């Protein structure tokens, strides 16, 4: 693919900012998805979608509000013990999100920045391949990677298979009582709670998407920090943004083809 001077400068600037070393991230130039679209080509079923998200970390957002919107809606308990915490969307530093891509010349701003992290809803999800009960599966109509809590046997193969640490295991009962979750959050009676011994993760708010709504985290943004859309639709907002912005994805070497793109 040809690259003009403006695109070259954008890419050069990005690599300078993050000190790109070719490790745990993938740099996509504007329009690269249109040129190759590996794994994001139109699915076999006519009209099938592949939902994806653009996380624009250059935007000023109240990212904690996005986390709260998600966790309040989906009855995610607050557990202080890091080994047992449940999280659907959270923040983590660059070295954890893009391990192996750090550089001695990386800017202090980049080192200190907290990135929004969630399930990548990969086009080639490793978690789906390793689940022995089909409790985790990819919806053929839109690519969302889901969990069936009734099938989950708590083997945690999916947690071992996910290279992004996007899944949490319920080591303990997540509820304090019929109306309260651990940590004090009130239970949303319109969404099911989970049981001890099952794995859970972000679902891209499938229940809202099915009603034509945006995911709760996206709705909580105020300045376009999160953009959700159909990667298979060349006219969607996310595809238009990917044509003009340089983005990165996590751990390209594992071949899962994440549907989350980052603008840094």
Foldseek 3Di string as FASTA:
>chain_A
DDDDPVQVVQVVVVCLQQVFDPAWKAKATFPNCVVPVVLQADAPDPQAFAKFKEFELVDDWPLVLLQCLQCLVAVQAADPPPQAHFGAKDWDAPCLQAPPGHDPSHDPCNRPDIGIDHDLLFSQQQLCVQDPQSQWDADRRHSFIAGNLVRFQLPCSSCVRGPNNRKGAQQAAQAPDPFAGHVGRGHDPVHDDHGHRGMDYDRQPVVQVVVVHGRSSCVRTDTPSMDMDTSNDCPGPVNVVSNHAIWMHGRCVVPRHGRYTYHD
